[in-house]
């Protein structure tokens, strides 16, 4: 019998959910959207009065799958045909269109499917929009190497840092190598690598003279508290683990695929010693939660 729980029973990232979400079509984008909103909500409480946070278009491009990307189209209204139409629906002539254009000119890129968090500083009281100071990105599979939009993301990332905006990049995707080569690759079994990473880039006084730091988390440890820069001379500290757990508990869809009675899917993608840590954790969970 399965073992389910509304709360996250891992100390940090839930390996069951995280492995499930990294399979094509298994809901990464829904998790991405909820996690971004949870981050924005947590920051809104922490920010000083002259700062505010918005969810905005991400630097990333979203795809429905991983191995063979295909653009996602999201209609606002869908019309479905359930039976053949036996006869014309109307007899009267319609109005003449104001203009006729090629359909291709109305098709847009799907880049708005993913969202990021941007922190703004109000340089003058009540003066909106303010000045962007920090961008937070939750990395998605199609924007990591070796997939198609890695170069696109790297260019946009460089542009953001060159403009003086700091970046926080959250990477739970242990199946794929990191975006930045200076971070050891868990997917490639590099020494010193972690399955989950949060990287912070501060381009002060310039992108060529700034600082880069990253925080690793294991399969049996909480996500860290990390500094969120607010320009060159201020910062706040975000409890990333509390934000992750808030996301997990916000939607039933995130706990439903998590069955602690079995191993995570694609369990082999974790290193051998991490598999042992997960098994130790699962043994405790199963002992404390008899089969339902």
C-alpha atoms as a PDB file:
ATOM      1  CA  UNK A   1       0.000   0.000   0.000  1.00  0.00           C
ATOM      2  CA  UNK A   2       1.245   3.538  -0.719  1.00  0.00           C
ATOM      3  CA  UNK A   3       2.425   6.012   1.886  1.00  0.00           C
ATOM      4  CA  UNK A   4       1.396   9.597   1.143  1.00  0.00           C
ATOM      5  CA  UNK A   5       1.660  12.727   3.259  1.00  0.00           C
ATOM      6  CA  UNK A   6       0.519  16.298   2.803  1.00  0.00           C
ATOM      7  CA  UNK A   7       3.752  17.608   4.325  1.00  0.00           C
ATOM      8  CA  UNK A   8       7.183  17.072   2.826  1.00  0.00           C
ATOM      9  CA  UNK A   9       8.803  14.234   4.803  1.00  0.00           C
ATOM     10  CA  UNK A  10      12.279  14.927   3.419  1.00  0.00           C
ATOM     11  CA  UNK A  11      14.434  17.432   5.343  1.00  0.00           C
ATOM     12  CA  UNK A  12      14.923  19.428   2.132  1.00  0.00           C
ATOM     13  CA  UNK A  13      14.113  18.830  -1.547  1.00  0.00           C
ATOM     14  CA  UNK A  14      11.751  15.888  -1.904  1.00  0.00           C
ATOM     15  CA  UNK A  15      13.652  13.373  -4.032  1.00  0.00           C
ATOM     16  CA  UNK A  16      10.447  11.580  -5.027  1.00  0.00           C
ATOM     17  CA  UNK A  17       8.727  14.697  -6.334  1.00  0.00           C
ATOM     18  CA  UNK A  18      11.898  16.162  -7.829  1.00  0.00           C
ATOM     19  CA  UNK A  19      12.664  13.013  -9.827  1.00  0.00           C
ATOM     20  CA  UNK A  20       9.051  12.766 -11.001  1.00  0.00           C
ATOM     21  CA  UNK A  21       8.975  16.398 -12.175  1.00  0.00           C
ATOM     22  CA  UNK A  22      12.111  15.987 -14.279  1.00  0.00           C
ATOM     23  CA  UNK A  23      10.461  13.419 -16.532  1.00  0.00           C
ATOM     24  CA  UNK A  24       8.964  14.935 -19.710  1.00  0.00           C
ATOM     25  CA  UNK A  25       5.365  16.035 -19.300  1.00  0.00           C
ATOM     26  CA  UNK A  26       5.208  15.425 -15.538  1.00  0.00           C
ATOM     27  CA  UNK A  27       4.391  18.939 -14.376  1.00  0.00           C
ATOM     28  CA  UNK A  28       7.655  20.835 -13.994  1.00  0.00           C
ATOM     29  CA  UNK A  29       6.058  24.046 -15.244  1.00  0.00           C
ATOM     30  CA  UNK A  30       3.242  23.884 -12.688  1.00  0.00           C
ATOM     31  CA  UNK A  31       5.776  23.426  -9.903  1.00  0.00           C
ATOM     32  CA  UNK A  32       7.876  26.236 -11.389  1.00  0.00           C
ATOM     33  CA  UNK A  33       4.942  28.663 -11.353  1.00  0.00           C
ATOM     34  CA  UNK A  34       3.930  27.795  -7.781  1.00  0.00           C
ATOM     35  CA  UNK A  35       7.498  27.970  -6.466  1.00  0.00           C
ATOM     36  CA  UNK A  36       8.095  31.363  -8.073  1.00  0.00           C
ATOM     37  CA  UNK A  37       4.942  32.723  -6.422  1.00  0.00           C
ATOM     38  CA  UNK A  38       5.974  31.267  -3.062  1.00  0.00           C
ATOM     39  CA  UNK A  39       9.387  32.937  -3.383  1.00  0.00           C
ATOM     40  CA  UNK A  40       7.742  36.262  -4.241  1.00  0.00           C
ATOM     41  CA  UNK A  41       5.376  35.948  -1.269  1.00  0.00           C
ATOM     42  CA  UNK A  42       8.228  35.231   1.150  1.00  0.00           C
ATOM     43  CA  UNK A  43      10.322  38.127  -0.178  1.00  0.00           C
ATOM     44  CA  UNK A  44       7.413  40.546   0.061  1.00  0.00           C
ATOM     45  CA  UNK A  45       7.371  40.024   3.839  1.00  0.00           C
ATOM     46  CA  UNK A  46      11.153  40.480   4.193  1.00  0.00           C
ATOM     47  CA  UNK A  47      11.840  43.467   1.933  1.00  0.00           C
ATOM     48  CA  UNK A  48      12.440  46.953   3.367  1.00  0.00           C
ATOM     49  CA  UNK A  49       9.690  49.537   2.674  1.00  0.00           C
ATOM     50  CA  UNK A  50      11.472  51.044  -0.356  1.00  0.00           C
ATOM     51  CA  UNK A  51      11.647  47.704  -2.191  1.00  0.00           C
ATOM     52  CA  UNK A  52       8.978  45.567  -3.836  1.00  0.00           C
ATOM     53  CA  UNK A  53       8.863  42.282  -5.739  1.00  0.00           C
ATOM     54  CA  UNK A  54       7.060  41.188  -8.910  1.00  0.00           C
ATOM     55  CA  UNK A  55       6.742  37.939 -10.839  1.00  0.00           C
ATOM     56  CA  UNK A  56       7.844  38.720 -14.381  1.00  0.00           C
ATOM     57  CA  UNK A  57       8.739  37.048 -17.645  1.00  0.00           C
ATOM     58  CA  UNK A  58      11.686  34.737 -17.121  1.00  0.00           C
ATOM     59  CA  UNK A  59      15.000  34.797 -18.969  1.00  0.00           C
ATOM     60  CA  UNK A  60      14.212  31.200 -19.903  1.00  0.00           C
ATOM     61  CA  UNK A  61      12.205  29.522 -22.651  1.00  0.00           C
ATOM     62  CA  UNK A  62       9.803  26.748 -21.714  1.00  0.00           C
ATOM     63  CA  UNK A  63       9.139  23.473 -23.542  1.00  0.00           C
ATOM     64  CA  UNK A  64       6.638  20.706 -23.009  1.00  0.00           C
ATOM     65  CA  UNK A  65       9.294  18.013 -22.972  1.00  0.00           C
ATOM     66  CA  UNK A  66      13.011  17.567 -22.385  1.00  0.00           C
ATOM     67  CA  UNK A  67      14.485  15.130 -24.888  1.00  0.00           C
ATOM     68  CA  UNK A  68      12.486  16.421 -27.869  1.00  0.00           C
ATOM     69  CA  UNK A  69      11.349  19.984 -27.043  1.00  0.00           C
ATOM     70  CA  UNK A  70       8.088  21.209 -28.508  1.00  0.00           C
ATOM     71  CA  UNK A  71       6.520  24.610 -27.940  1.00  0.00           C
ATOM     72  CA  UNK A  72       3.598  24.802 -25.540  1.00  0.00           C
ATOM     73  CA  UNK A  73       0.507  26.784 -26.538  1.00  0.00           C
ATOM     74  CA  UNK A  74      -1.897  27.851 -23.790  1.00  0.00           C
ATOM     75  CA  UNK A  75      -5.337  28.994 -25.015  1.00  0.00           C
ATOM     76  CA  UNK A  76      -7.492  31.273 -22.858  1.00  0.00           C
ATOM     77  CA  UNK A  77     -10.623  29.615 -24.261  1.00  0.00           C
ATOM     78  CA  UNK A  78     -10.845  26.199 -25.920  1.00  0.00           C
ATOM     79  CA  UNK A  79     -13.665  25.022 -28.211  1.00  0.00           C
ATOM     80  CA  UNK A  80     -14.063  21.282 -28.661  1.00  0.00           C
ATOM     81  CA  UNK A  81     -16.080  19.468 -31.320  1.00  0.00           C
ATOM     82  CA  UNK A  82     -17.949  16.461 -29.917  1.00  0.00           C
ATOM     83  CA  UNK A  83     -19.907  15.499 -33.073  1.00  0.00           C
ATOM     84  CA  UNK A  84     -19.881  16.347 -36.778  1.00  0.00           C
ATOM     85  CA  UNK A  85     -21.631  19.568 -37.726  1.00  0.00           C
ATOM     86  CA  UNK A  86     -24.630  18.506 -39.863  1.00  0.00           C
ATOM     87  CA  UNK A  87     -25.334  21.858 -41.543  1.00  0.00           C
ATOM     88  CA  UNK A  88     -24.112  25.459 -41.643  1.00  0.00           C
ATOM     89  CA  UNK A  89     -24.668  27.051 -38.251  1.00  0.00           C
ATOM     90  CA  UNK A  90     -25.892  30.413 -39.611  1.00  0.00           C
ATOM     91  CA  UNK A  91     -27.585  31.626 -42.776  1.00  0.00           C
ATOM     92  CA  UNK A  92     -26.709  35.348 -42.635  1.00  0.00           C
ATOM     93  CA  UNK A  93     -23.524  36.889 -44.035  1.00  0.00           C
ATOM     94  CA  UNK A  94     -20.872  37.984 -41.571  1.00  0.00           C
ATOM     95  CA  UNK A  95     -19.331  41.418 -41.256  1.00  0.00           C
ATOM     96  CA  UNK A  96     -16.332  42.340 -43.353  1.00  0.00           C
ATOM     97  CA  UNK A  97     -13.003  42.136 -41.521  1.00  0.00           C
ATOM     98  CA  UNK A  98     -11.135  45.364 -40.843  1.00  0.00           C
ATOM     99  CA  UNK A  99      -7.869  43.718 -41.885  1.00  0.00           C
ATOM    100  CA  UNK A 100      -6.591  40.353 -43.078  1.00  0.00           C
ATOM    101  CA  UNK A 101      -3.083  39.266 -42.074  1.00  0.00           C
ATOM    102  CA  UNK A 102      -1.022  36.074 -42.383  1.00  0.00           C
ATOM    103  CA  UNK A 103      -1.662  33.858 -39.381  1.00  0.00           C
ATOM    104  CA  UNK A 104       2.112  33.532 -38.819  1.00  0.00           C
ATOM    105  CA  UNK A 105       2.262  37.205 -37.866  1.00  0.00           C
ATOM    106  CA  UNK A 106      -0.009  36.540 -34.882  1.00  0.00           C
ATOM    107  CA  UNK A 107       1.925  33.558 -33.518  1.00  0.00           C
ATOM    108  CA  UNK A 108       4.167  34.426 -30.581  1.00  0.00           C
ATOM    109  CA  UNK A 109       7.030  32.716 -28.871  1.00  0.00           C
ATOM    110  CA  UNK A 110       6.231  30.770 -25.748  1.00  0.00           C
ATOM    111  CA  UNK A 111       8.861  32.579 -23.663  1.00  0.00           C
ATOM    112  CA  UNK A 112       6.236  33.968 -21.279  1.00  0.00           C
ATOM    113  CA  UNK A 113       5.331  30.471 -20.085  1.00  0.00           C
ATOM    114  CA  UNK A 114       8.003  30.681 -17.371  1.00  0.00           C
ATOM    115  CA  UNK A 115       8.187  33.376 -14.741  1.00  0.00           C
ATOM    116  CA  UNK A 116      11.002  34.757 -12.623  1.00  0.00           C
ATOM    117  CA  UNK A 117      11.077  37.040  -9.585  1.00  0.00           C
ATOM    118  CA  UNK A 118      12.433  40.591  -9.852  1.00  0.00           C
ATOM    119  CA  UNK A 119      13.111  42.846  -6.868  1.00  0.00           C
ATOM    120  CA  UNK A 120      12.773  46.595  -7.462  1.00  0.00           C
ATOM    121  CA  UNK A 121      14.008  49.566  -5.449  1.00  0.00           C
ATOM    122  CA  UNK A 122      11.922  52.738  -5.427  1.00  0.00           C
ATOM    123  CA  UNK A 123      14.465  55.528  -5.845  1.00  0.00           C
ATOM    124  CA  UNK A 124      11.743  58.136  -5.144  1.00  0.00           C
ATOM    125  CA  UNK A 125       8.756  57.492  -2.816  1.00  0.00           C
ATOM    126  CA  UNK A 126       5.814  56.270  -4.848  1.00  0.00           C
ATOM    127  CA  UNK A 127       7.778  56.488  -8.092  1.00  0.00           C
ATOM    128  CA  UNK A 128       6.899  53.367 -10.110  1.00  0.00           C
ATOM    129  CA  UNK A 129       8.345  51.451 -11.756  1.00  0.00           C
ATOM    130  CA  UNK A 130      11.413  51.399  -9.581  1.00  0.00           C
ATOM    131  CA  UNK A 131      14.931  50.295 -10.434  1.00  0.00           C
ATOM    132  CA  UNK A 132      15.450  46.503 -10.809  1.00  0.00           C
ATOM    133  CA  UNK A 133      18.162  45.298  -8.432  1.00  0.00           C
ATOM    134  CA  UNK A 134      17.864  41.486  -8.300  1.00  0.00           C
ATOM    135  CA  UNK A 135      16.451  38.750 -10.529  1.00  0.00           C
ATOM    136  CA  UNK A 136      15.668  35.265  -9.203  1.00  0.00           C
ATOM    137  CA  UNK A 137      15.434  32.354 -11.645  1.00  0.00           C
ATOM    138  CA  UNK A 138      14.301  28.792 -10.994  1.00  0.00           C
ATOM    139  CA  UNK A 139      16.165  26.870 -13.696  1.00  0.00           C
ATOM    140  CA  UNK A 140      14.169  24.626 -16.032  1.00  0.00           C
ATOM    141  CA  UNK A 141      15.362  21.581 -17.984  1.00  0.00           C
ATOM    142  CA  UNK A 142      15.326  23.067 -21.493  1.00  0.00           C
ATOM    143  CA  UNK A 143      17.658  25.899 -20.424  1.00  0.00           C
ATOM    144  CA  UNK A 144      20.412  23.680 -19.048  1.00  0.00           C
ATOM    145  CA  UNK A 145      23.193  22.065 -21.083  1.00  0.00           C
ATOM    146  CA  UNK A 146      23.160  20.257 -23.409  1.00  0.00           C
ATOM    147  CA  UNK A 147      19.598  21.208 -24.362  1.00  0.00           C
ATOM    148  CA  UNK A 148      18.623  23.701 -27.025  1.00  0.00           C
ATOM    149  CA  UNK A 149      18.080  26.940 -25.126  1.00  0.00           C
ATOM    150  CA  UNK A 150      21.159  26.819 -22.921  1.00  0.00           C
ATOM    151  CA  UNK A 151      23.032  29.361 -25.091  1.00  0.00           C
ATOM    152  CA  UNK A 152      19.952  31.610 -25.206  1.00  0.00           C
ATOM    153  CA  UNK A 153      19.713  31.622 -21.416  1.00  0.00           C
ATOM    154  CA  UNK A 154      23.430  32.270 -20.984  1.00  0.00           C
ATOM    155  CA  UNK A 155      23.248  35.338 -23.257  1.00  0.00           C
ATOM    156  CA  UNK A 156      20.316  36.791 -21.356  1.00  0.00           C
ATOM    157  CA  UNK A 157      22.011  36.033 -18.064  1.00  0.00           C
ATOM    158  CA  UNK A 158      25.140  37.895 -19.168  1.00  0.00           C
ATOM    159  CA  UNK A 159      23.059  40.879 -20.299  1.00  0.00           C
ATOM    160  CA  UNK A 160      21.320  41.018 -16.907  1.00  0.00           C
ATOM    161  CA  UNK A 161      24.597  41.023 -14.987  1.00  0.00           C
ATOM    162  CA  UNK A 162      26.186  43.570 -17.330  1.00  0.00           C
ATOM    163  CA  UNK A 163      23.270  45.887 -16.590  1.00  0.00           C
ATOM    164  CA  UNK A 164      24.129  45.792 -12.880  1.00  0.00           C
ATOM    165  CA  UNK A 165      21.255  43.541 -11.761  1.00  0.00           C
ATOM    166  CA  UNK A 166      22.203  40.733  -9.351  1.00  0.00           C
ATOM    167  CA  UNK A 167      21.039  37.175 -10.018  1.00  0.00           C
ATOM    168  CA  UNK A 168      19.953  34.291  -7.816  1.00  0.00           C
ATOM    169  CA  UNK A 169      19.698  30.993  -9.707  1.00  0.00           C
ATOM    170  CA  UNK A 170      17.977  28.010  -8.091  1.00  0.00           C
ATOM    171  CA  UNK A 171      18.811  24.621  -9.584  1.00  0.00           C
ATOM    172  CA  UNK A 172      17.058  21.452  -8.379  1.00  0.00           C
ATOM    173  CA  UNK A 173      17.718  19.599 -11.659  1.00  0.00           C
ATOM    174  CA  UNK A 174      20.277  16.949 -10.704  1.00  0.00           C
ATOM    175  CA  UNK A 175      19.609  15.040 -13.949  1.00  0.00           C
ATOM    176  CA  UNK A 176      21.452  17.697 -15.992  1.00  0.00           C
ATOM    177  CA  UNK A 177      24.806  19.525 -15.734  1.00  0.00           C
ATOM    178  CA  UNK A 178      24.865  23.007 -14.165  1.00  0.00           C
ATOM    179  CA  UNK A 179      24.545  26.185 -16.226  1.00  0.00           C
ATOM    180  CA  UNK A 180      27.891  27.466 -14.917  1.00  0.00           C
ATOM    181  CA  UNK A 181      31.020  25.388 -15.459  1.00  0.00           C
ATOM    182  CA  UNK A 182      32.539  26.520 -12.147  1.00  0.00           C
ATOM    183  CA  UNK A 183      29.889  24.505 -10.283  1.00  0.00           C
ATOM    184  CA  UNK A 184      30.789  20.774 -10.081  1.00  0.00           C
ATOM    185  CA  UNK A 185      28.358  18.679 -12.091  1.00  0.00           C
ATOM    186  CA  UNK A 186      26.373  16.134 -10.099  1.00  0.00           C
ATOM    187  CA  UNK A 187      25.064  14.632 -13.349  1.00  0.00           C
ATOM    188  CA  UNK A 188      28.665  13.926 -14.405  1.00  0.00           C
ATOM    189  CA  UNK A 189      29.735  12.549 -11.012  1.00  0.00           C
ATOM    190  CA  UNK A 190      32.197  15.407 -10.433  1.00  0.00           C
ATOM    191  CA  UNK A 191      33.971  15.583  -7.050  1.00  0.00           C
ATOM    192  CA  UNK A 192      32.388  18.016  -4.635  1.00  0.00           C
ATOM    193  CA  UNK A 193      29.090  18.162  -6.511  1.00  0.00           C
ATOM    194  CA  UNK A 194      25.659  18.538  -4.893  1.00  0.00           C
ATOM    195  CA  UNK A 195      22.312  17.496  -6.378  1.00  0.00           C
ATOM    196  CA  UNK A 196      20.719  20.880  -5.528  1.00  0.00           C
ATOM    197  CA  UNK A 197      22.411  24.257  -5.896  1.00  0.00           C
ATOM    198  CA  UNK A 198      21.570  27.923  -5.301  1.00  0.00           C
ATOM    199  CA  UNK A 199      23.975  30.369  -6.978  1.00  0.00           C
ATOM    200  CA  UNK A 200      24.245  34.108  -6.311  1.00  0.00           C
ATOM    201  CA  UNK A 201      25.948  36.543  -8.709  1.00  0.00           C
ATOM    202  CA  UNK A 202      26.540  40.119  -7.516  1.00  0.00           C
ATOM    203  CA  UNK A 203      27.875  42.448 -10.266  1.00  0.00           C
ATOM    204  CA  UNK A 204      29.274  45.121  -7.937  1.00  0.00           C
ATOM    205  CA  UNK A 205      31.040  47.383  -8.774  1.00  0.00           C
ATOM    206  CA  UNK A 206      30.762  45.764 -12.229  1.00  0.00           C
ATOM    207  CA  UNK A 207      30.137  42.336 -13.740  1.00  0.00           C
ATOM    208  CA  UNK A 208      33.885  41.890 -14.293  1.00  0.00           C
ATOM    209  CA  UNK A 209      34.684  42.751 -10.652  1.00  0.00           C
ATOM    210  CA  UNK A 210      31.723  41.195  -8.892  1.00  0.00           C
ATOM    211  CA  UNK A 211      31.376  38.053  -6.780  1.00  0.00           C
ATOM    212  CA  UNK A 212      29.890  34.636  -7.483  1.00  0.00           C
ATOM    213  CA  UNK A 213      28.986  32.200  -4.716  1.00  0.00           C
ATOM    214  CA  UNK A 214      26.973  29.015  -4.597  1.00  0.00           C
ATOM    215  CA  UNK A 215      25.338  26.904  -1.919  1.00  0.00           C
ATOM    216  CA  UNK A 216      24.942  23.152  -2.212  1.00  0.00           C
ATOM    217  CA  UNK A 217      22.323  20.972  -0.525  1.00  0.00           C
ATOM    218  CA  UNK A 218      22.255  17.199  -0.247  1.00  0.00           C
ATOM    219  CA  UNK A 219      19.425  14.685  -0.401  1.00  0.00           C
ATOM    220  CA  UNK A 220      19.253  14.526   3.405  1.00  0.00           C
ATOM    221  CA  UNK A 221      19.844  18.181   4.315  1.00  0.00           C
ATOM    222  CA  UNK A 222      17.593  21.255   4.327  1.00  0.00           C
ATOM    223  CA  UNK A 223      17.984  23.904   1.674  1.00  0.00           C
ATOM    224  CA  UNK A 224      20.098  26.784   3.011  1.00  0.00           C
ATOM    225  CA  UNK A 225      19.320  30.275   4.181  1.00  0.00           C
ATOM    226  CA  UNK A 226      20.843  32.462   1.461  1.00  0.00           C
ATOM    227  CA  UNK A 227      21.584  36.196   1.177  1.00  0.00           C
ATOM    228  CA  UNK A 228      19.453  38.024  -1.387  1.00  0.00           C
ATOM    229  CA  UNK A 229      21.344  41.155  -2.549  1.00  0.00           C
ATOM    230  CA  UNK A 230      19.455  44.454  -2.679  1.00  0.00           C
ATOM    231  CA  UNK A 231      22.062  46.462  -4.489  1.00  0.00           C
ATOM    232  CA  UNK A 232      25.696  46.890  -3.490  1.00  0.00           C
ATOM    233  CA  UNK A 233      25.165  47.731   0.184  1.00  0.00           C
ATOM    234  CA  UNK A 234      22.141  45.805   1.469  1.00  0.00           C
ATOM    235  CA  UNK A 235      20.726  42.286   1.569  1.00  0.00           C
ATOM    236  CA  UNK A 236      18.057  40.148   3.186  1.00  0.00           C
ATOM    237  CA  UNK A 237      18.228  36.451   4.085  1.00  0.00           C
ATOM    238  CA  UNK A 238      15.764  33.966   2.596  1.00  0.00           C
ATOM    239  CA  UNK A 239      14.913  30.606   4.180  1.00  0.00           C
ATOM    240  CA  UNK A 240      14.858  28.546   0.977  1.00  0.00           C
ATOM    241  CA  UNK A 241      13.752  25.398   2.785  1.00  0.00           C
ATOM    242  CA  UNK A 242      10.648  27.061   4.214  1.00  0.00           C
ATOM    243  CA  UNK A 243       9.789  28.368   0.738  1.00  0.00           C
ATOM    244  CA  UNK A 244      10.213  24.899  -0.786  1.00  0.00           C
ATOM    245  CA  UNK A 245       8.010  23.273   1.856  1.00  0.00           C
ATOM    246  CA  UNK A 246       5.400  25.981   1.369  1.00  0.00           C
ATOM    247  CA  UNK A 247       5.331  25.152  -2.335  1.00  0.00           C
ATOM    248  CA  UNK A 248       5.070  21.412  -1.690  1.00  0.00           C
ATOM    249  CA  UNK A 249       2.114  21.892   0.639  1.00  0.00           C
ATOM    250  CA  UNK A 250       0.346  24.469  -1.530  1.00  0.00           C
ATOM    251  CA  UNK A 251      -0.902  21.989  -4.140  1.00  0.00           C
ATOM    252  CA  UNK A 252      -2.216  18.458  -3.737  1.00  0.00           C
ATOM    253  CA  UNK A 253      -0.695  17.703  -7.147  1.00  0.00           C
ATOM    254  CA  UNK A 254       2.778  17.802  -5.583  1.00  0.00           C
ATOM    255  CA  UNK A 255       2.120  15.277  -2.822  1.00  0.00           C
ATOM    256  CA  UNK A 256       0.044  12.837  -4.892  1.00  0.00           C
ATOM    257  CA  UNK A 257       2.952  11.420  -6.967  1.00  0.00           C
ATOM    258  CA  UNK A 258       5.072  10.982  -3.823  1.00  0.00           C
ATOM    259  CA  UNK A 259       4.802   7.423  -2.517  1.00  0.00           C
ATOM    260  CA  UNK A 260       7.298   6.812   0.279  1.00  0.00           C
ATOM    261  CA  UNK A 261       6.607   3.070   0.111  1.00  0.00           C
ATOM    262  CA  UNK A 262       8.690   2.834  -3.078  1.00  0.00           C
ATOM    263  CA  UNK A 263      11.935   4.363  -4.343  1.00  0.00           C
ATOM    264  CA  UNK A 264      11.861   7.567  -6.401  1.00  0.00           C
ATOM    265  CA  UNK A 265      11.561   7.143 -10.167  1.00  0.00           C
ATOM    266  CA  UNK A 266      14.918   7.275 -11.997  1.00  0.00           C
ATOM    267  CA  UNK A 267      16.501   6.430  -8.644  1.00  0.00           C
ATOM    268  CA  UNK A 268      19.699   5.500 -10.476  1.00  0.00           C
ATOM    269  CA  UNK A 269      20.258   9.182 -11.321  1.00  0.00           C
ATOM    270  CA  UNK A 270      21.299   9.725  -7.712  1.00  0.00           C
ATOM    271  CA  UNK A 271      24.801   8.723  -6.696  1.00  0.00           C
ATOM    272  CA  UNK A 272      25.249   5.457  -4.820  1.00  0.00           C
ATOM    273  CA  UNK A 273      25.950   7.116  -1.481  1.00  0.00           C
ATOM    274  CA  UNK A 274      22.916   9.383  -1.926  1.00  0.00           C
ATOM    275  CA  UNK A 275      20.762   6.361  -2.728  1.00  0.00           C
ATOM    276  CA  UNK A 276      21.881   4.908   0.628  1.00  0.00           C
ATOM    277  CA  UNK A 277      20.938   8.155   2.400  1.00  0.00           C
ATOM    278  CA  UNK A 278      17.512   8.149   0.767  1.00  0.00           C
ATOM    279  CA  UNK A 279      16.965   4.504   1.743  1.00  0.00           C
ATOM    280  CA  UNK A 280      17.852   5.337   5.363  1.00  0.00           C
ATOM    281  CA  UNK A 281      15.361   8.188   5.313  1.00  0.00           C
ATOM    282  CA  UNK A 282      12.657   6.013   3.739  1.00  0.00           C
ATOM    283  CA  UNK A 283      13.154   3.292   6.341  1.00  0.00           C
ATOM    284  CA  UNK A 284      12.448   5.830   9.088  1.00  0.00           C
ATOM    285  CA  UNK A 285       9.428   7.234   7.233  1.00  0.00           C
ATOM    286  CA  UNK A 286       7.981   3.748   6.694  1.00  0.00           C
ATOM    287  CA  UNK A 287       8.496   2.867  10.355  1.00  0.00           C
ATOM    288  CA  UNK A 288       6.716   6.048  11.457  1.00  0.00           C
ATOM    289  CA  UNK A 289       3.951   5.795   8.852  1.00  0.00           C
ATOM    290  CA  UNK A 290       2.542   2.258   8.620  1.00  0.00           C
ATOM    291  CA  UNK A 291       1.181   1.289   5.234  1.00  0.00           C
ATOM    292  CA  UNK A 292      -2.244   2.850   4.700  1.00  0.00           C
END
